[in-house]
């Protein structure tokens, strides 16, 4: 992803720097999560057509960089949804 696209995300500078070190799959997932309030892994998979393992690795990178936050679904504790961090 080019710097101009990353600058268009209107993220604070520290988040821009963190987004520069994650994989392209993680960047694409981050862009998709910006358009939705929250998403499950199955929904991300439908939108990206990435395999589950790629999605899980990208999500782990984004969580480690504190760009997204995982939260359990209180109606079905087997599922976790992901959303953009608010900090």
Protein backbone atom coordinates (compact mmCIF):
# COMPACT_ATOMS: atom_id res chain seq x y z
CA UNK A 1 0.00 0.00 0.00
CA UNK A 2 1.42 3.33 -0.98
CA UNK A 3 2.06 6.11 1.48
CA UNK A 4 -0.60 8.27 -0.16
CA UNK A 5 -3.30 5.66 0.57
CA UNK A 6 -2.10 5.33 4.16
CA UNK A 7 -2.18 9.12 4.54
CA UNK A 8 -5.77 9.14 3.26
CA UNK A 9 -6.81 7.03 6.27
CA UNK A 10 -6.45 10.12 8.48
CA UNK A 11 -4.75 8.20 11.26
CA UNK A 12 -2.51 9.82 13.85
CA UNK A 13 1.19 9.52 13.00
CA UNK A 14 1.98 6.64 15.42
CA UNK A 15 -0.78 4.53 13.83
CA UNK A 16 0.47 5.38 10.33
CA UNK A 17 3.90 4.10 11.36
CA UNK A 18 2.40 0.88 12.75
CA UNK A 19 0.38 0.33 9.59
CA UNK A 20 3.59 0.55 7.55
CA UNK A 21 5.08 -2.53 9.24
CA UNK A 22 2.16 -4.97 8.88
CA UNK A 23 1.54 -7.26 5.92
CA UNK A 24 -0.51 -6.19 2.90
CA UNK A 25 -3.30 -8.54 4.01
CA UNK A 26 -3.43 -6.78 7.38
CA UNK A 27 -3.65 -3.40 5.65
CA UNK A 28 -6.55 -4.58 3.50
CA UNK A 29 -8.38 -6.00 6.52
CA UNK A 30 -7.81 -2.75 8.40
CA UNK A 31 -9.34 -0.79 5.49
CA UNK A 32 -12.35 -3.11 5.45
CA UNK A 33 -12.81 -2.78 9.22
CA UNK A 34 -12.86 0.99 8.84
CA UNK A 35 -16.00 0.71 6.73
CA UNK A 36 -17.85 -1.49 9.23
CA UNK A 37 -18.60 -1.07 12.92
CA UNK A 38 -17.47 -4.61 13.72
CA UNK A 39 -16.87 -7.83 11.84
CA UNK A 40 -16.45 -11.53 12.48
CA UNK A 41 -13.68 -13.57 10.88
CA UNK A 42 -16.25 -15.24 8.62
CA UNK A 43 -17.43 -11.83 7.35
CA UNK A 44 -13.84 -10.71 6.74
CA UNK A 45 -13.23 -13.93 4.83
CA UNK A 46 -16.23 -13.28 2.57
CA UNK A 47 -15.06 -9.74 1.81
CA UNK A 48 -11.38 -10.57 1.18
CA UNK A 49 -11.38 -14.17 -0.10
CA UNK A 50 -8.23 -14.74 1.98
CA UNK A 51 -7.82 -18.11 3.66
CA UNK A 52 -8.60 -18.33 7.37
CA UNK A 53 -4.92 -18.70 8.33
CA UNK A 54 -3.95 -15.49 6.49
CA UNK A 55 -6.80 -13.62 8.15
CA UNK A 56 -5.86 -14.88 11.62
CA UNK A 57 -2.22 -13.85 11.12
CA UNK A 58 -3.23 -10.41 9.84
CA UNK A 59 -5.64 -9.93 12.76
CA UNK A 60 -2.94 -10.94 15.24
CA UNK A 61 -0.61 -8.32 13.73
CA UNK A 62 -3.28 -5.62 13.96
CA UNK A 63 -4.15 -6.56 17.56
CA UNK A 64 -0.46 -6.54 18.54
CA UNK A 65 -0.09 -3.10 16.97
CA UNK A 66 -3.21 -2.01 18.92
CA UNK A 67 -4.92 -0.91 15.70
CA UNK A 68 -7.93 -3.17 16.27
CA UNK A 69 -9.62 -4.66 19.32
CA UNK A 70 -11.10 -8.16 19.64
CA UNK A 71 -14.30 -8.61 21.63
CA UNK A 72 -16.31 -11.74 22.39
CA UNK A 73 -19.84 -12.06 21.07
CA UNK A 74 -21.97 -12.23 24.21
CA UNK A 75 -24.70 -14.19 22.39
CA UNK A 76 -22.25 -16.83 21.11
CA UNK A 77 -19.03 -17.01 23.11
CA UNK A 78 -17.39 -19.17 20.44
CA UNK A 79 -17.19 -16.14 18.15
CA UNK A 80 -15.01 -13.06 18.37
CA UNK A 81 -15.61 -9.88 16.47
CA UNK A 82 -13.03 -7.23 15.65
CA UNK A 83 -13.33 -3.46 15.52
CA UNK A 84 -11.04 -0.46 15.07
CA UNK A 85 -9.40 0.63 18.35
CA UNK A 86 -10.74 3.90 19.65
CA UNK A 87 -7.50 5.23 21.10
